[in-house]
């Protein structure tokens, strides 16, 4: 019983101490099927947004680029803080239309980003 109360108290203190924002980006479902096809999606949420794009280099190979930016400033419990994140990623991959509207895709990529909190 004593351990349970201690865990609950520590959990509540952590919730009040740490301010964080989770901002998920949209899924980049490319569905490329032919050469020179382009997919572009832009999402705007709150104080940021994301870009998801893809281009078919040939009838079998494509490239995608994704970027995300979030910057939130607010006042909480008398303290002003700024939370956010940003990242970018690029990937190269293979795609093949198996039957109409069913596409097999596999991509390999690399990305960089940062999550920050300033008080």
PDB file of N, CA and C in Angstrom:
ATOM      1  N   UNK A   1       0.829  -1.200   0.000  1.00  0.00           N
ATOM      2  CA  UNK A   1       0.000   0.000   0.000  1.00  0.00           C
ATOM      3  C   UNK A   1       0.868   1.256   0.000  1.00  0.00           C
ATOM      4  N   UNK A   2       1.932   1.238   0.828  1.00  0.00           N
ATOM      5  CA  UNK A   2       2.818   2.391   0.906  1.00  0.00           C
ATOM      6  C   UNK A   2       3.515   2.644  -0.439  1.00  0.00           C
ATOM      7  N   UNK A   3       3.912   1.562  -1.120  1.00  0.00           N
ATOM      8  CA  UNK A   3       4.560   1.704  -2.436  1.00  0.00           C
ATOM      9  C   UNK A   3       3.592   2.259  -3.464  1.00  0.00           C
ATOM     10  N   UNK A   4       2.352   1.840  -3.427  1.00  0.00           N
ATOM     11  CA  UNK A   4       1.342   2.329  -4.360  1.00  0.00           C
ATOM     12  C   UNK A   4       1.119   3.826  -4.199  1.00  0.00           C
ATOM     13  N   UNK A   5       1.008   4.289  -2.961  1.00  0.00           N
ATOM     14  CA  UNK A   5       0.823   5.727  -2.705  1.00  0.00           C
ATOM     15  C   UNK A   5       2.042   6.506  -3.181  1.00  0.00           C
ATOM     16  N   UNK A   6       3.238   5.979  -2.929  1.00  0.00           N
ATOM     17  CA  UNK A   6       4.468   6.656  -3.372  1.00  0.00           C
ATOM     18  C   UNK A   6       4.513   6.779  -4.894  1.00  0.00           C
ATOM     19  N   UNK A   7       4.122   5.721  -5.588  1.00  0.00           N
ATOM     20  CA  UNK A   7       4.130   5.754  -7.052  1.00  0.00           C
ATOM     21  C   UNK A   7       3.123   6.767  -7.575  1.00  0.00           C
ATOM     22  N   UNK A   8       1.937   6.828  -6.971  1.00  0.00           N
ATOM     23  CA  UNK A   8       0.921   7.788  -7.394  1.00  0.00           C
ATOM     24  C   UNK A   8       1.392   9.218  -7.159  1.00  0.00           C
ATOM     25  N   UNK A   9       1.981   9.494  -5.998  1.00  0.00           N
ATOM     26  CA  UNK A   9       2.474  10.842  -5.690  1.00  0.00           C
ATOM     27  C   UNK A   9       3.579  11.244  -6.668  1.00  0.00           C
ATOM     28  N   UNK A  10       4.517  10.356  -6.927  1.00  0.00           N
ATOM     29  CA  UNK A  10       5.607  10.660  -7.862  1.00  0.00           C
ATOM     30  C   UNK A  10       5.041  10.894  -9.268  1.00  0.00           C
ATOM     31  N   UNK A  11       4.072  10.076  -9.680  1.00  0.00           N
ATOM     32  CA  UNK A  11       3.456  10.256 -10.997  1.00  0.00           C
ATOM     33  C   UNK A  11       2.769  11.602 -11.140  1.00  0.00           C
ATOM     34  N   UNK A  12       2.020  12.017 -10.119  1.00  0.00           N
ATOM     35  CA  UNK A  12       1.329  13.310 -10.159  1.00  0.00           C
ATOM     36  C   UNK A  12       2.338  14.447 -10.187  1.00  0.00           C
ATOM     37  N   UNK A  13       3.399  14.357  -9.388  1.00  0.00           N
ATOM     38  CA  UNK A  13       4.435  15.401  -9.393  1.00  0.00           C
ATOM     39  C   UNK A  13       5.108  15.512 -10.753  1.00  0.00           C
ATOM     40  N   UNK A  14       5.379  14.384 -11.388  1.00  0.00           N
ATOM     41  CA  UNK A  14       5.995  14.417 -12.722  1.00  0.00           C
ATOM     42  C   UNK A  14       5.073  15.052 -13.747  1.00  0.00           C
ATOM     43  N   UNK A  15       3.778  14.790 -13.667  1.00  0.00           N
ATOM     44  CA  UNK A  15       2.826  15.404 -14.595  1.00  0.00           C
ATOM     45  C   UNK A  15       2.807  16.919 -14.466  1.00  0.00           C
ATOM     46  N   UNK A  16       2.920  17.421 -13.238  1.00  0.00           N
ATOM     47  CA  UNK A  16       2.910  18.872 -13.045  1.00  0.00           C
ATOM     48  C   UNK A  16       4.260  19.506 -13.355  1.00  0.00           C
ATOM     49  N   UNK A  17       5.344  18.758 -13.197  1.00  0.00           N
ATOM     50  CA  UNK A  17       6.672  19.311 -13.419  1.00  0.00           C
ATOM     51  C   UNK A  17       7.018  19.400 -14.903  1.00  0.00           C
ATOM     52  N   UNK A  18       6.704  18.364 -15.658  1.00  0.00           N
ATOM     53  CA  UNK A  18       7.086  18.312 -17.065  1.00  0.00           C
ATOM     54  C   UNK A  18       5.950  18.790 -17.954  1.00  0.00           C
ATOM     55  N   UNK A  19       6.244  19.768 -18.793  1.00  0.00           N
ATOM     56  CA  UNK A  19       5.308  20.185 -19.837  1.00  0.00           C
ATOM     57  C   UNK A  19       5.838  19.638 -21.149  1.00  0.00           C
ATOM     58  N   UNK A  20       5.021  18.966 -21.875  1.00  0.00           N
ATOM     59  CA  UNK A  20       5.462  18.447 -23.160  1.00  0.00           C
ATOM     60  C   UNK A  20       4.293  18.452 -24.123  1.00  0.00           C
ATOM     61  N   UNK A  21       4.640  18.414 -25.390  1.00  0.00           N
ATOM     62  CA  UNK A  21       3.627  18.379 -26.435  1.00  0.00           C
ATOM     63  C   UNK A  21       4.000  17.252 -27.378  1.00  0.00           C
ATOM     64  N   UNK A  22       3.047  16.407 -27.660  1.00  0.00           N
ATOM     65  CA  UNK A  22       3.244  15.367 -28.653  1.00  0.00           C
ATOM     66  C   UNK A  22       2.500  15.808 -29.909  1.00  0.00           C
ATOM     67  N   UNK A  23       3.212  15.925 -31.005  1.00  0.00           N
ATOM     68  CA  UNK A  23       2.622  16.355 -32.268  1.00  0.00           C
ATOM     69  C   UNK A  23       2.975  15.311 -33.313  1.00  0.00           C
ATOM     70  N   UNK A  24       2.034  14.511 -33.681  1.00  0.00           N
ATOM     71  CA  UNK A  24       2.312  13.477 -34.673  1.00  0.00           C
ATOM     72  C   UNK A  24       2.111  14.042 -36.072  1.00  0.00           C
ATOM     73  N   UNK A  25       2.952  13.594 -36.979  1.00  0.00           N
ATOM     74  CA  UNK A  25       2.780  14.015 -38.368  1.00  0.00           C
ATOM     75  C   UNK A  25       1.843  13.058 -39.071  1.00  0.00           C
ATOM     76  N   UNK A  26       1.385  13.441 -40.222  1.00  0.00           N
ATOM     77  CA  UNK A  26       0.513  12.575 -41.003  1.00  0.00           C
ATOM     78  C   UNK A  26       1.303  11.449 -41.649  1.00  0.00           C
ATOM     79  N   UNK A  27       0.632  10.396 -41.980  1.00  0.00           N
ATOM     80  CA  UNK A  27       1.267   9.257 -42.643  1.00  0.00           C
ATOM     81  C   UNK A  27       1.438   9.559 -44.120  1.00  0.00           C
ATOM     82  N   UNK A  28       2.612   9.259 -44.635  1.00  0.00           N
ATOM     83  CA  UNK A  28       2.876   9.480 -46.047  1.00  0.00           C
ATOM     84  C   UNK A  28       2.606   8.175 -46.799  1.00  0.00           C
ATOM     85  N   UNK A  29       1.362   7.978 -47.214  1.00  0.00           N
ATOM     86  CA  UNK A  29       0.962   6.804 -48.004  1.00  0.00           C
ATOM     87  C   UNK A  29       1.094   7.177 -49.475  1.00  0.00           C
ATOM     88  N   UNK A  30       2.199   6.816 -50.061  1.00  0.00           N
ATOM     89  CA  UNK A  30       2.565   7.326 -51.385  1.00  0.00           C
ATOM     90  C   UNK A  30       1.685   6.798 -52.504  1.00  0.00           C
ATOM     91  N   UNK A  31       1.576   5.497 -52.636  1.00  0.00           N
ATOM     92  CA  UNK A  31       0.768   4.873 -53.684  1.00  0.00           C
ATOM     93  C   UNK A  31       1.180   5.336 -55.085  1.00  0.00           C
ATOM     94  N   UNK A  32       2.482   5.471 -55.317  1.00  0.00           N
ATOM     95  CA  UNK A  32       2.966   5.821 -56.647  1.00  0.00           C
ATOM     96  C   UNK A  32       2.764   4.631 -57.579  1.00  0.00           C
ATOM     97  N   UNK A  33       2.437   4.897 -58.835  1.00  0.00           N
ATOM     98  CA  UNK A  33       2.194   3.806 -59.788  1.00  0.00           C
ATOM     99  C   UNK A  33       2.902   3.983 -61.125  1.00  0.00           C
ATOM    100  N   UNK A  34       3.323   5.211 -61.480  1.00  0.00           N
ATOM    101  CA  UNK A  34       3.955   5.429 -62.786  1.00  0.00           C
ATOM    102  C   UNK A  34       4.948   6.588 -62.719  1.00  0.00           C
ATOM    103  N   UNK A  35       5.819   6.629 -63.733  1.00  0.00           N
ATOM    104  CA  UNK A  35       6.867   7.647 -63.814  1.00  0.00           C
ATOM    105  C   UNK A  35       6.278   9.060 -63.820  1.00  0.00           C
ATOM    106  N   UNK A  36       6.993   9.990 -63.176  1.00  0.00           N
ATOM    107  CA  UNK A  36       6.663  11.412 -63.086  1.00  0.00           C
ATOM    108  C   UNK A  36       5.413  11.721 -62.265  1.00  0.00           C
ATOM    109  N   UNK A  37       4.913  10.755 -61.539  1.00  0.00           N
ATOM    110  CA  UNK A  37       3.769  10.991 -60.658  1.00  0.00           C
ATOM    111  C   UNK A  37       4.255  11.739 -59.413  1.00  0.00           C
ATOM    112  N   UNK A  38       3.460  12.690 -58.950  1.00  0.00           N
ATOM    113  CA  UNK A  38       3.815  13.500 -57.784  1.00  0.00           C
ATOM    114  C   UNK A  38       2.700  13.407 -56.751  1.00  0.00           C
ATOM    115  N   UNK A  39       3.080  13.260 -55.494  1.00  0.00           N
ATOM    116  CA  UNK A  39       2.135  13.307 -54.370  1.00  0.00           C
ATOM    117  C   UNK A  39       2.592  14.398 -53.431  1.00  0.00           C
ATOM    118  N   UNK A  40       1.661  15.236 -52.988  1.00  0.00           N
ATOM    119  CA  UNK A  40       1.987  16.321 -52.070  1.00  0.00           C
ATOM    120  C   UNK A  40       0.839  16.491 -51.085  1.00  0.00           C
ATOM    121  N   UNK A  41       1.177  16.514 -49.801  1.00  0.00           N
ATOM    122  CA  UNK A  41       0.172  16.735 -48.756  1.00  0.00           C
ATOM    123  C   UNK A  41       0.756  17.710 -47.745  1.00  0.00           C
ATOM    124  N   UNK A  42      -0.046  18.681 -47.367  1.00  0.00           N
ATOM    125  CA  UNK A  42       0.374  19.677 -46.383  1.00  0.00           C
ATOM    126  C   UNK A  42      -0.635  19.648 -45.251  1.00  0.00           C
ATOM    127  N   UNK A  43      -0.137  19.508 -44.032  1.00  0.00           N
ATOM    128  CA  UNK A  43      -0.995  19.486 -42.852  1.00  0.00           C
ATOM    129  C   UNK A  43      -0.676  20.657 -41.946  1.00  0.00           C
ATOM    130  N   UNK A  44      -1.710  21.307 -41.440  1.00  0.00           N
ATOM    131  CA  UNK A  44      -1.532  22.428 -40.523  1.00  0.00           C
ATOM    132  C   UNK A  44      -2.287  22.086 -39.248  1.00  0.00           C
ATOM    133  N   UNK A  45      -1.572  22.139 -38.116  1.00  0.00           N
ATOM    134  CA  UNK A  45      -2.184  21.851 -36.824  1.00  0.00           C
ATOM    135  C   UNK A  45      -1.661  22.853 -35.813  1.00  0.00           C
ATOM    136  N   UNK A  46      -2.555  23.586 -35.190  1.00  0.00           N
ATOM    137  CA  UNK A  46      -2.151  24.487 -34.112  1.00  0.00           C
ATOM    138  C   UNK A  46      -1.099  25.477 -34.537  1.00  0.00           C
ATOM    139  N   UNK A  47       0.097  25.324 -33.999  1.00  0.00           N
ATOM    140  CA  UNK A  47       1.197  26.265 -34.210  1.00  0.00           C
ATOM    141  C   UNK A  47       2.287  25.660 -35.088  1.00  0.00           C
ATOM    142  N   UNK A  48       1.916  24.834 -36.040  1.00  0.00           N
ATOM    143  CA  UNK A  48       2.914  24.217 -36.901  1.00  0.00           C
ATOM    144  C   UNK A  48       2.253  23.464 -38.023  1.00  0.00           C
ATOM    145  N   UNK A  49       3.037  22.618 -38.644  1.00  0.00           N
ATOM    146  CA  UNK A  49       2.495  21.838 -39.732  1.00  0.00           C
ATOM    147  C   UNK A  49       3.514  20.857 -40.261  1.00  0.00           C
ATOM    148  N   UNK A  50       3.114  20.103 -41.272  1.00  0.00           N
ATOM    149  CA  UNK A  50       4.036  19.170 -41.895  1.00  0.00           C
ATOM    150  C   UNK A  50       3.788  19.104 -43.398  1.00  0.00           C
ATOM    151  N   UNK A  51       4.814  18.672 -44.093  1.00  0.00           N
ATOM    152  CA  UNK A  51       4.764  18.491 -45.542  1.00  0.00           C
ATOM    153  C   UNK A  51       5.169  17.054 -45.832  1.00  0.00           C
ATOM    154  N   UNK A  52       4.389  16.370 -46.657  1.00  0.00           N
ATOM    155  CA  UNK A  52       4.684  15.008 -47.072  1.00  0.00           C
ATOM    156  C   UNK A  52       4.641  14.984 -48.595  1.00  0.00           C
ATOM    157  N   UNK A  53       5.732  14.581 -49.205  1.00  0.00           N
ATOM    158  CA  UNK A  53       5.778  14.617 -50.664  1.00  0.00           C
ATOM    159  C   UNK A  53       6.485  13.384 -51.212  1.00  0.00           C
ATOM    160  N   UNK A  54       6.192  13.074 -52.484  1.00  0.00           N
ATOM    161  CA  UNK A  54       6.840  11.954 -53.168  1.00  0.00           C
ATOM    162  C   UNK A  54       6.844  12.210 -54.661  1.00  0.00           C
ATOM    163  N   UNK A  55       7.844  11.638 -55.318  1.00  0.00           N
ATOM    164  CA  UNK A  55       7.977  11.775 -56.761  1.00  0.00           C
ATOM    165  C   UNK A  55       8.465  10.447 -57.328  1.00  0.00           C
ATOM    166  N   UNK A  56       7.836   9.979 -58.402  1.00  0.00           N
ATOM    167  CA  UNK A  56       8.234   8.735 -59.068  1.00  0.00           C
ATOM    168  C   UNK A  56       9.314   9.046 -60.098  1.00  0.00           C
ATOM    169  N   UNK A  57      10.535   8.602 -59.823  1.00  0.00           N
ATOM    170  CA  UNK A  57      11.656   8.826 -60.736  1.00  0.00           C
ATOM    171  C   UNK A  57      11.530   7.974 -61.993  1.00  0.00           C
ATOM    172  N   UNK A  58      10.952   6.787 -61.843  1.00  0.00           N
ATOM    173  CA  UNK A  58      10.725   5.882 -62.973  1.00  0.00           C
ATOM    174  C   UNK A  58       9.439   5.103 -62.693  1.00  0.00           C
ATOM    175  N   UNK A  59       9.207   4.038 -63.469  1.00  0.00           N
ATOM    176  CA  UNK A  59       8.011   3.231 -63.238  1.00  0.00           C
ATOM    177  C   UNK A  59       8.153   2.302 -62.029  1.00  0.00           C
ATOM    178  N   UNK A  60       9.311   2.263 -61.410  1.00  0.00           N
ATOM    179  CA  UNK A  60       9.537   1.365 -60.279  1.00  0.00           C
ATOM    180  C   UNK A  60      10.184   2.035 -59.064  1.00  0.00           C
ATOM    181  N   UNK A  61      10.832   3.193 -59.239  1.00  0.00           N
ATOM    182  CA  UNK A  61      11.577   3.810 -58.150  1.00  0.00           C
ATOM    183  C   UNK A  61      11.080   5.225 -57.870  1.00  0.00           C
ATOM    184  N   UNK A  62      11.046   5.561 -56.594  1.00  0.00           N
ATOM    185  CA  UNK A  62      10.575   6.877 -56.194  1.00  0.00           C
ATOM    186  C   UNK A  62      11.394   7.448 -55.044  1.00  0.00           C
ATOM    187  N   UNK A  63      11.165   8.707 -54.782  1.00  0.00           N
ATOM    188  CA  UNK A  63      11.832   9.403 -53.684  1.00  0.00           C
ATOM    189  C   UNK A  63      10.759  10.165 -52.909  1.00  0.00           C
ATOM    190  N   UNK A  64      10.950  10.269 -51.601  1.00  0.00           N
ATOM    191  CA  UNK A  64      10.001  11.022 -50.786  1.00  0.00           C
ATOM    192  C   UNK A  64      10.756  11.969 -49.864  1.00  0.00           C
ATOM    193  N   UNK A  65      10.092  13.073 -49.521  1.00  0.00           N
ATOM    194  CA  UNK A  65      10.629  14.061 -48.590  1.00  0.00           C
ATOM    195  C   UNK A  65       9.520  14.445 -47.626  1.00  0.00           C
ATOM    196  N   UNK A  66       9.836  14.443 -46.337  1.00  0.00           N
ATOM    197  CA  UNK A  66       8.878  14.814 -45.302  1.00  0.00           C
ATOM    198  C   UNK A  66       9.522  15.827 -44.372  1.00  0.00           C
ATOM    199  N   UNK A  67       8.751  16.789 -43.929  1.00  0.00           N
ATOM    200  CA  UNK A  67       9.246  17.804 -43.001  1.00  0.00           C
ATOM    201  C   UNK A  67       8.135  18.139 -42.008  1.00  0.00           C
ATOM    202  N   UNK A  68       8.537  18.544 -40.807  1.00  0.00           N
ATOM    203  CA  UNK A  68       7.596  18.846 -39.745  1.00  0.00           C
ATOM    204  C   UNK A  68       8.141  20.010 -38.924  1.00  0.00           C
ATOM    205  N   UNK A  69       7.260  20.909 -38.494  1.00  0.00           N
ATOM    206  CA  UNK A  69       7.653  22.038 -37.661  1.00  0.00           C
ATOM    207  C   UNK A  69       6.533  22.327 -36.667  1.00  0.00           C
ATOM    208  N   UNK A  70       6.896  22.484 -35.404  1.00  0.00           N
ATOM    209  CA  UNK A  70       5.949  22.842 -34.361  1.00  0.00           C
ATOM    210  C   UNK A  70       6.637  23.797 -33.402  1.00  0.00           C
ATOM    211  N   UNK A  71       5.964  24.898 -33.069  1.00  0.00           N
ATOM    212  CA  UNK A  71       6.517  25.880 -32.149  1.00  0.00           C
ATOM    213  C   UNK A  71       5.361  26.439 -31.327  1.00  0.00           C
ATOM    214  N   UNK A  72       5.321  26.127 -30.037  1.00  0.00           N
ATOM    215  CA  UNK A  72       4.228  26.542 -29.167  1.00  0.00           C
ATOM    216  C   UNK A  72       4.787  27.355 -28.006  1.00  0.00           C
ATOM    217  N   UNK A  73       4.240  28.535 -27.795  1.00  0.00           N
ATOM    218  CA  UNK A  73       4.603  29.356 -26.637  1.00  0.00           C
ATOM    219  C   UNK A  73       3.346  29.537 -25.795  1.00  0.00           C
ATOM    220  N   UNK A  74       3.488  29.364 -24.484  1.00  0.00           N
ATOM    221  CA  UNK A  74       2.328  29.489 -23.599  1.00  0.00           C
ATOM    222  C   UNK A  74       2.788  29.816 -22.187  1.00  0.00           C
ATOM    223  N   UNK A  75       1.828  30.118 -21.340  1.00  0.00           N
ATOM    224  CA  UNK A  75       2.104  30.381 -19.932  1.00  0.00           C
ATOM    225  C   UNK A  75       1.363  29.329 -19.117  1.00  0.00           C
ATOM    226  N   UNK A  76       2.103  28.681 -18.220  1.00  0.00           N
ATOM    227  CA  UNK A  76       1.530  27.618 -17.396  1.00  0.00           C
ATOM    228  C   UNK A  76       2.036  27.773 -15.972  1.00  0.00           C
ATOM    229  N   UNK A  77       1.130  27.867 -15.015  1.00  0.00           N
ATOM    230  CA  UNK A  77       1.480  28.028 -13.600  1.00  0.00           C
ATOM    231  C   UNK A  77       2.436  29.198 -13.381  1.00  0.00           C
ATOM    232  N   UNK A  78       2.201  30.301 -14.089  1.00  0.00           N
ATOM    233  CA  UNK A  78       3.009  31.498 -13.926  1.00  0.00           C
ATOM    234  C   UNK A  78       4.354  31.458 -14.619  1.00  0.00           C
ATOM    235  N   UNK A  79       4.641  30.421 -15.362  1.00  0.00           N
ATOM    236  CA  UNK A  79       5.916  30.275 -16.062  1.00  0.00           C
ATOM    237  C   UNK A  79       5.658  30.253 -17.554  1.00  0.00           C
ATOM    238  N   UNK A  80       6.423  31.047 -18.285  1.00  0.00           N
ATOM    239  CA  UNK A  80       6.299  31.031 -19.740  1.00  0.00           C
ATOM    240  C   UNK A  80       7.251  29.975 -20.306  1.00  0.00           C
ATOM    241  N   UNK A  81       6.774  29.202 -21.235  1.00  0.00           N
ATOM    242  CA  UNK A  81       7.600  28.165 -21.831  1.00  0.00           C
ATOM    243  C   UNK A  81       7.365  28.100 -23.330  1.00  0.00           C
ATOM    244  N   UNK A  82       8.300  27.457 -24.003  1.00  0.00           N
ATOM    245  CA  UNK A  82       8.219  27.255 -25.453  1.00  0.00           C
ATOM    246  C   UNK A  82       8.598  25.801 -25.730  1.00  0.00           C
ATOM    247  N   UNK A  83       7.699  25.090 -26.354  1.00  0.00           N
ATOM    248  CA  UNK A  83       7.928  23.695 -26.742  1.00  0.00           C
ATOM    249  C   UNK A  83       7.880  23.595 -28.253  1.00  0.00           C
ATOM    250  N   UNK A  84       8.571  22.617 -28.778  1.00  0.00           N
ATOM    251  CA  UNK A  84       8.480  22.416 -30.207  1.00  0.00           C
ATOM    252  C   UNK A  84       9.338  21.285 -30.714  1.00  0.00           C
ATOM    253  N   UNK A  85       9.227  21.054 -31.967  1.00  0.00           N
ATOM    254  CA  UNK A  85      10.049  20.067 -32.637  1.00  0.00           C
ATOM    255  C   UNK A  85      10.128  20.406 -34.114  1.00  0.00           C
ATOM    256  N   UNK A  86      11.163  19.920 -34.738  1.00  0.00           N
ATOM    257  CA  UNK A  86      11.274  20.021 -36.186  1.00  0.00           C
ATOM    258  C   UNK A  86      12.115  18.856 -36.686  1.00  0.00           C
ATOM    259  N   UNK A  87      11.827  18.417 -37.871  1.00  0.00           N
ATOM    260  CA  UNK A  87      12.616  17.357 -38.479  1.00  0.00           C
ATOM    261  C   UNK A  87      12.426  17.377 -39.985  1.00  0.00           C
ATOM    262  N   UNK A  88      13.333  16.717 -40.641  1.00  0.00           N
ATOM    263  CA  UNK A  88      13.244  16.510 -42.076  1.00  0.00           C
ATOM    264  C   UNK A  88      13.757  15.117 -42.384  1.00  0.00           C
ATOM    265  N   UNK A  89      13.213  14.501 -43.390  1.00  0.00           N
ATOM    266  CA  UNK A  89      13.669  13.167 -43.772  1.00  0.00           C
ATOM    267  C   UNK A  89      13.520  12.991 -45.277  1.00  0.00           C
ATOM    268  N   UNK A  90      14.373  12.145 -45.827  1.00  0.00           N
ATOM    269  CA  UNK A  90      14.335  11.839 -47.250  1.00  0.00           C
ATOM    270  C   UNK A  90      14.515  10.327 -47.394  1.00  0.00           C
ATOM    271  N   UNK A  91      13.829   9.753 -48.360  1.00  0.00           N
ATOM    272  CA  UNK A  91      13.905   8.304 -48.562  1.00  0.00           C
ATOM    273  C   UNK A  91      13.828   7.970 -50.043  1.00  0.00           C
ATOM    274  N   UNK A  92      14.461   6.880 -50.399  1.00  0.00           N
ATOM    275  CA  UNK A  92      14.454   6.359 -51.762  1.00  0.00           C
ATOM    276  C   UNK A  92      13.844   4.964 -51.699  1.00  0.00           C
ATOM    277  N   UNK A  93      13.022   4.596 -52.683  1.00  0.00           N
ATOM    278  CA  UNK A  93      12.397   3.289 -52.583  1.00  0.00           C
ATOM    279  C   UNK A  93      11.895   2.713 -53.889  1.00  0.00           C
ATOM    280  N   UNK A  94      11.324   1.550 -53.733  1.00  0.00           N
ATOM    281  CA  UNK A  94      10.798   0.756 -54.840  1.00  0.00           C
ATOM    282  C   UNK A  94       9.289   0.637 -54.676  1.00  0.00           C
ATOM    283  N   UNK A  95       8.553   0.693 -55.785  1.00  0.00           N
ATOM    284  CA  UNK A  95       7.106   0.486 -55.733  1.00  0.00           C
ATOM    285  C   UNK A  95       6.666  -0.340 -56.936  1.00  0.00           C
ATOM    286  N   UNK A  96       5.572  -1.079 -56.745  1.00  0.00           N
ATOM    287  CA  UNK A  96       5.019  -1.877 -57.834  1.00  0.00           C
ATOM    288  C   UNK A  96       3.527  -2.028 -57.598  1.00  0.00           C
ATOM    289  N   UNK A  97       2.742  -1.716 -58.623  1.00  0.00           N
ATOM    290  CA  UNK A  97       1.303  -1.909 -58.530  1.00  0.00           C
ATOM    291  C   UNK A  97       1.010  -3.390 -58.758  1.00  0.00           C
ATOM    292  N   UNK A  98       0.477  -4.045 -57.738  1.00  0.00           N
ATOM    293  CA  UNK A  98       0.199  -5.482 -57.808  1.00  0.00           C
ATOM    294  C   UNK A  98      -1.074  -5.738 -58.626  1.00  0.00           C
ATOM    295  N   UNK A  99      -2.151  -5.090 -58.247  1.00  0.00           N
ATOM    296  CA  UNK A  99      -3.415  -5.099 -58.971  1.00  0.00           C
ATOM    297  C   UNK A  99      -3.957  -3.676 -58.838  1.00  0.00           C
ATOM    298  N   UNK A 100      -4.955  -3.288 -59.600  1.00  0.00           N
ATOM    299  CA  UNK A 100      -5.440  -1.906 -59.484  1.00  0.00           C
ATOM    300  C   UNK A 100      -5.754  -1.519 -58.029  1.00  0.00           C
ATOM    301  N   UNK A 101      -5.203  -0.405 -57.613  1.00  0.00           N
ATOM    302  CA  UNK A 101      -5.370   0.178 -56.281  1.00  0.00           C
ATOM    303  C   UNK A 101      -4.678  -0.588 -55.153  1.00  0.00           C
ATOM    304  N   UNK A 102      -3.857  -1.561 -55.467  1.00  0.00           N
ATOM    305  CA  UNK A 102      -3.042  -2.262 -54.471  1.00  0.00           C
ATOM    306  C   UNK A 102      -1.586  -2.111 -54.905  1.00  0.00           C
ATOM    307  N   UNK A 103      -0.799  -1.381 -54.095  1.00  0.00           N
ATOM    308  CA  UNK A 103       0.581  -1.068 -54.443  1.00  0.00           C
ATOM    309  C   UNK A 103       1.512  -1.577 -53.351  1.00  0.00           C
ATOM    310  N   UNK A 104       2.571  -2.283 -53.761  1.00  0.00           N
ATOM    311  CA  UNK A 104       3.628  -2.687 -52.844  1.00  0.00           C
ATOM    312  C   UNK A 104       4.679  -1.593 -52.871  1.00  0.00           C
ATOM    313  N   UNK A 105       5.109  -1.120 -51.684  1.00  0.00           N
ATOM    314  CA  UNK A 105       6.132  -0.078 -51.594  1.00  0.00           C
ATOM    315  C   UNK A 105       7.106  -0.410 -50.472  1.00  0.00           C
ATOM    316  N   UNK A 106       8.365  -0.095 -50.708  1.00  0.00           N
ATOM    317  CA  UNK A 106       9.369  -0.217 -49.661  1.00  0.00           C
ATOM    318  C   UNK A 106      10.365   0.920 -49.844  1.00  0.00           C
ATOM    319  N   UNK A 107      10.640   1.643 -48.757  1.00  0.00           N
ATOM    320  CA  UNK A 107      11.510   2.817 -48.804  1.00  0.00           C
ATOM    321  C   UNK A 107      12.552   2.738 -47.704  1.00  0.00           C
ATOM    322  N   UNK A 108      13.719   3.270 -47.998  1.00  0.00           N
ATOM    323  CA  UNK A 108      14.807   3.363 -47.026  1.00  0.00           C
ATOM    324  C   UNK A 108      15.253   4.814 -47.004  1.00  0.00           C
ATOM    325  N   UNK A 109      15.344   5.390 -45.817  1.00  0.00           N
ATOM    326  CA  UNK A 109      15.676   6.807 -45.756  1.00  0.00           C
ATOM    327  C   UNK A 109      16.476   7.188 -44.533  1.00  0.00           C
ATOM    328  N   UNK A 110      16.684   8.480 -44.432  1.00  0.00           N
ATOM    329  CA  UNK A 110      17.441   9.054 -43.324  1.00  0.00           C
ATOM    330  C   UNK A 110      16.787  10.383 -42.959  1.00  0.00           C
ATOM    331  N   UNK A 111      16.907  10.759 -41.720  1.00  0.00           N
ATOM    332  CA  UNK A 111      16.318  12.020 -41.291  1.00  0.00           C
ATOM    333  C   UNK A 111      17.038  12.603 -40.099  1.00  0.00           C
ATOM    334  N   UNK A 112      16.758  13.852 -39.841  1.00  0.00           N
ATOM    335  CA  UNK A 112      17.321  14.559 -38.688  1.00  0.00           C
ATOM    336  C   UNK A 112      16.228  15.420 -38.077  1.00  0.00           C
ATOM    337  N   UNK A 113      16.326  15.626 -36.776  1.00  0.00           N
ATOM    338  CA  UNK A 113      15.334  16.460 -36.126  1.00  0.00           C
ATOM    339  C   UNK A 113      15.745  16.847 -34.729  1.00  0.00           C
ATOM    340  N   UNK A 114      14.890  17.640 -34.097  1.00  0.00           N
ATOM    341  CA  UNK A 114      15.174  18.099 -32.742  1.00  0.00           C
ATOM    342  C   UNK A 114      13.854  18.388 -32.037  1.00  0.00           C
ATOM    343  N   UNK A 115      13.803  18.024 -30.772  1.00  0.00           N
ATOM    344  CA  UNK A 115      12.696  18.364 -29.898  1.00  0.00           C
ATOM    345  C   UNK A 115      13.270  19.284 -28.829  1.00  0.00           C
ATOM    346  N   UNK A 116      12.576  20.371 -28.512  1.00  0.00           N
ATOM    347  CA  UNK A 116      13.138  21.293 -27.532  1.00  0.00           C
ATOM    348  C   UNK A 116      12.082  21.806 -26.567  1.00  0.00           C
ATOM    349  N   UNK A 117      12.573  22.254 -25.438  1.00  0.00           N
ATOM    350  CA  UNK A 117      11.728  22.853 -24.405  1.00  0.00           C
ATOM    351  C   UNK A 117      12.531  23.975 -23.755  1.00  0.00           C
ATOM    352  N   UNK A 118      12.028  25.181 -23.818  1.00  0.00           N
ATOM    353  CA  UNK A 118      12.710  26.328 -23.214  1.00  0.00           C
ATOM    354  C   UNK A 118      11.784  26.969 -22.193  1.00  0.00           C
ATOM    355  N   UNK A 119      12.310  27.213 -21.013  1.00  0.00           N
ATOM    356  CA  UNK A 119      11.520  27.857 -19.966  1.00  0.00           C
ATOM    357  C   UNK A 119      12.095  29.228 -19.683  1.00  0.00           C
TER     358      UNK A 119
END
